[in-house]
Amino acid sequence: MSVTKINNKKFITILRDMQSSYEKNLSHIICSIHVVI
């Protein structure tokens, strides 16, 4: 039970990290597109 909870926490943390890095990349891409245009 506790192992599952720890794994879920790790998974959620990884998901959050991916989401935040994806948002950062997205804003970078949008910025560069604006610069190109």
PDB file of N, CA and C in Angstrom:
ATOM      1  N   MET A   1       0.836  -1.207   0.000  1.00  0.00           N
ATOM      2  CA  MET A   1       0.000   0.000   0.000  1.00  0.00           C
ATOM      3  C   MET A   1       0.867   1.252   0.000  1.00  0.00           C
ATOM      4  N   SER A   2       1.831   1.295   0.905  1.00  0.00           N
ATOM      5  CA  SER A   2       2.694   2.484   0.990  1.00  0.00           C
ATOM      6  C   SER A   2       3.567   2.600  -0.259  1.00  0.00           C
ATOM      7  N   VAL A   3       4.011   1.465  -0.777  1.00  0.00           N
ATOM      8  CA  VAL A   3       4.838   1.479  -1.992  1.00  0.00           C
ATOM      9  C   VAL A   3       4.035   2.075  -3.147  1.00  0.00           C
ATOM     10  N   THR A   4       2.778   1.677  -3.249  1.00  0.00           N
ATOM     11  CA  THR A   4       1.916   2.202  -4.309  1.00  0.00           C
ATOM     12  C   THR A   4       1.764   3.706  -4.158  1.00  0.00           C
ATOM     13  N   LYS A   5       1.587   4.165  -2.926  1.00  0.00           N
ATOM     14  CA  LYS A   5       1.446   5.605  -2.694  1.00  0.00           C
ATOM     15  C   LYS A   5       2.710   6.338  -3.117  1.00  0.00           C
ATOM     16  N   ILE A   6       3.856   5.783  -2.759  1.00  0.00           N
ATOM     17  CA  ILE A   6       5.129   6.421  -3.121  1.00  0.00           C
ATOM     18  C   ILE A   6       5.258   6.465  -4.641  1.00  0.00           C
ATOM     19  N   ASN A   7       4.927   5.363  -5.305  1.00  0.00           N
ATOM     20  CA  ASN A   7       5.010   5.319  -6.763  1.00  0.00           C
ATOM     21  C   ASN A   7       4.068   6.337  -7.384  1.00  0.00           C
ATOM     22  N   ASN A   8       2.868   6.454  -6.830  1.00  0.00           N
ATOM     23  CA  ASN A   8       1.914   7.436  -7.344  1.00  0.00           C
ATOM     24  C   ASN A   8       2.460   8.844  -7.176  1.00  0.00           C
ATOM     25  N   LYS A   9       3.059   9.116  -6.030  1.00  0.00           N
ATOM     26  CA  LYS A   9       3.637  10.446  -5.795  1.00  0.00           C
ATOM     27  C   LYS A   9       4.745  10.723  -6.795  1.00  0.00           C
ATOM     28  N   LYS A  10       5.610   9.751  -7.004  1.00  0.00           N
ATOM     29  CA  LYS A  10       6.702   9.915  -7.978  1.00  0.00           C
ATOM     30  C   LYS A  10       6.128  10.172  -9.358  1.00  0.00           C
ATOM     31  N   PHE A  11       5.118   9.392  -9.722  1.00  0.00           N
ATOM     32  CA  PHE A  11       4.504   9.521 -11.044  1.00  0.00           C
ATOM     33  C   PHE A  11       3.891  10.912 -11.209  1.00  0.00           C
ATOM     34  N   ILE A  12       3.161  11.364 -10.184  1.00  0.00           N
ATOM     35  CA  ILE A  12       2.538  12.694 -10.233  1.00  0.00           C
ATOM     36  C   ILE A  12       3.611  13.770 -10.337  1.00  0.00           C
ATOM     37  N   THR A  13       4.691  13.616  -9.587  1.00  0.00           N
ATOM     38  CA  THR A  13       5.777  14.599  -9.649  1.00  0.00           C
ATOM     39  C   THR A  13       6.377  14.635 -11.048  1.00  0.00           C
ATOM     40  N   ILE A  14       6.603  13.466 -11.627  1.00  0.00           N
ATOM     41  CA  ILE A  14       7.158  13.391 -12.986  1.00  0.00           C
ATOM     42  C   ILE A  14       6.194  14.055 -13.965  1.00  0.00           C
ATOM     43  N   LEU A  15       4.897  13.781 -13.807  1.00  0.00           N
ATOM     44  CA  LEU A  15       3.901  14.393 -14.690  1.00  0.00           C
ATOM     45  C   LEU A  15       3.949  15.908 -14.571  1.00  0.00           C
ATOM     46  N   ARG A  16       4.024  16.413 -13.336  1.00  0.00           N
ATOM     47  CA  ARG A  16       4.060  17.865 -13.131  1.00  0.00           C
ATOM     48  C   ARG A  16       5.307  18.449 -13.772  1.00  0.00           C
ATOM     49  N   ASP A  17       6.433  17.793 -13.585  1.00  0.00           N
ATOM     50  CA  ASP A  17       7.689  18.272 -14.186  1.00  0.00           C
ATOM     51  C   ASP A  17       7.560  18.323 -15.702  1.00  0.00           C
ATOM     52  N   MET A  18       7.015  17.259 -16.275  1.00  0.00           N
ATOM     53  CA  MET A  18       6.846  17.222 -17.725  1.00  0.00           C
ATOM     54  C   MET A  18       5.927  18.343 -18.183  1.00  0.00           C
ATOM     55  N   GLN A  19       4.840  18.552 -17.442  1.00  0.00           N
ATOM     56  CA  GLN A  19       3.887  19.587 -17.829  1.00  0.00           C
ATOM     57  C   GLN A  19       4.528  20.966 -17.768  1.00  0.00           C
ATOM     58  N   SER A  20       5.249  21.244 -16.700  1.00  0.00           N
ATOM     59  CA  SER A  20       5.864  22.568 -16.564  1.00  0.00           C
ATOM     60  C   SER A  20       6.940  22.774 -17.630  1.00  0.00           C
ATOM     61  N   SER A  21       7.732  21.757 -17.902  1.00  0.00           N
ATOM     62  CA  SER A  21       8.766  21.894 -18.936  1.00  0.00           C
ATOM     63  C   SER A  21       8.110  22.031 -20.307  1.00  0.00           C
ATOM     64  N   TYR A  22       7.001  21.323 -20.511  1.00  0.00           N
ATOM     65  CA  TYR A  22       6.283  21.438 -21.783  1.00  0.00           C
ATOM     66  C   TYR A  22       5.751  22.860 -21.953  1.00  0.00           C
ATOM     67  N   GLU A  23       5.201  23.431 -20.890  1.00  0.00           N
ATOM     68  CA  GLU A  23       4.684  24.801 -20.962  1.00  0.00           C
ATOM     69  C   GLU A  23       5.815  25.781 -21.237  1.00  0.00           C
ATOM     70  N   LYS A  24       6.964  25.571 -20.613  1.00  0.00           N
ATOM     71  CA  LYS A  24       8.116  26.446 -20.865  1.00  0.00           C
ATOM     72  C   LYS A  24       8.534  26.344 -22.327  1.00  0.00           C
ATOM     73  N   ASN A  25       8.639  25.122 -22.829  1.00  0.00           N
ATOM     74  CA  ASN A  25       9.018  24.919 -24.230  1.00  0.00           C
ATOM     75  C   ASN A  25       7.994  25.563 -25.152  1.00  0.00           C
ATOM     76  N   LEU A  26       6.730  25.416 -24.808  1.00  0.00           N
ATOM     77  CA  LEU A  26       5.668  25.987 -25.628  1.00  0.00           C
ATOM     78  C   LEU A  26       5.803  27.502 -25.688  1.00  0.00           C
ATOM     79  N   SER A  27       6.047  28.130 -24.564  1.00  0.00           N
ATOM     80  CA  SER A  27       6.198  29.587 -24.554  1.00  0.00           C
ATOM     81  C   SER A  27       7.436  29.991 -25.346  1.00  0.00           C
ATOM     82  N   HIS A  28       8.500  29.200 -25.257  1.00  0.00           N
ATOM     83  CA  HIS A  28       9.709  29.479 -26.049  1.00  0.00           C
ATOM     84  C   HIS A  28       9.385  29.400 -27.538  1.00  0.00           C
ATOM     85  N   ILE A  29       8.669  28.359 -27.911  1.00  0.00           N
ATOM     86  CA  ILE A  29       8.306  28.164 -29.323  1.00  0.00           C
ATOM     87  C   ILE A  29       7.439  29.328 -29.796  1.00  0.00           C
ATOM     88  N   ILE A  30       6.457  29.705 -28.993  1.00  0.00           N
ATOM     89  CA  ILE A  30       5.574  30.823 -29.358  1.00  0.00           C
ATOM     90  C   ILE A  30       6.398  32.095 -29.509  1.00  0.00           C
ATOM     91  N   CYS A  31       7.326  32.323 -28.608  1.00  0.00           N
ATOM     92  CA  CYS A  31       8.183  33.522 -28.672  1.00  0.00           C
ATOM     93  C   CYS A  31       8.998  33.510 -29.963  1.00  0.00           C
ATOM     94  N   SER A  32       9.607  32.393 -30.289  1.00  0.00           N
ATOM     95  CA  SER A  32      10.435  32.341 -31.495  1.00  0.00           C
ATOM     96  C   SER A  32       9.572  32.492 -32.745  1.00  0.00           C
ATOM     97  N   ILE A  33       8.363  31.960 -32.714  1.00  0.00           N
ATOM     98  CA  ILE A  33       7.466  32.120 -33.867  1.00  0.00           C
ATOM     99  C   ILE A  33       7.141  33.604 -34.032  1.00  0.00           C
ATOM    100  N   HIS A  34       6.866  34.288 -32.937  1.00  0.00           N
ATOM    101  CA  HIS A  34       6.574  35.724 -33.003  1.00  0.00           C
ATOM    102  C   HIS A  34       7.782  36.489 -33.547  1.00  0.00           C
ATOM    103  N   VAL A  35       8.955  36.078 -33.112  1.00  0.00           N
ATOM    104  CA  VAL A  35      10.174  36.759 -33.583  1.00  0.00           C
ATOM    105  C   VAL A  35      10.330  36.549 -35.091  1.00  0.00           C
ATOM    106  N   VAL A  36      10.082  35.331 -35.544  1.00  0.00           N
ATOM    107  CA  VAL A  36      10.213  35.021 -36.978  1.00  0.00           C
ATOM    108  C   VAL A  36       9.200  35.840 -37.780  1.00  0.00           C
ATOM    109  N   ILE A  37       7.991  35.935 -37.284  1.00  0.00           N
ATOM    110  CA  ILE A  37       6.941  36.689 -38.001  1.00  0.00           C
ATOM    111  C   ILE A  37       7.193  38.175 -37.776  1.00  0.00           C
TER     112      ILE A  37
END
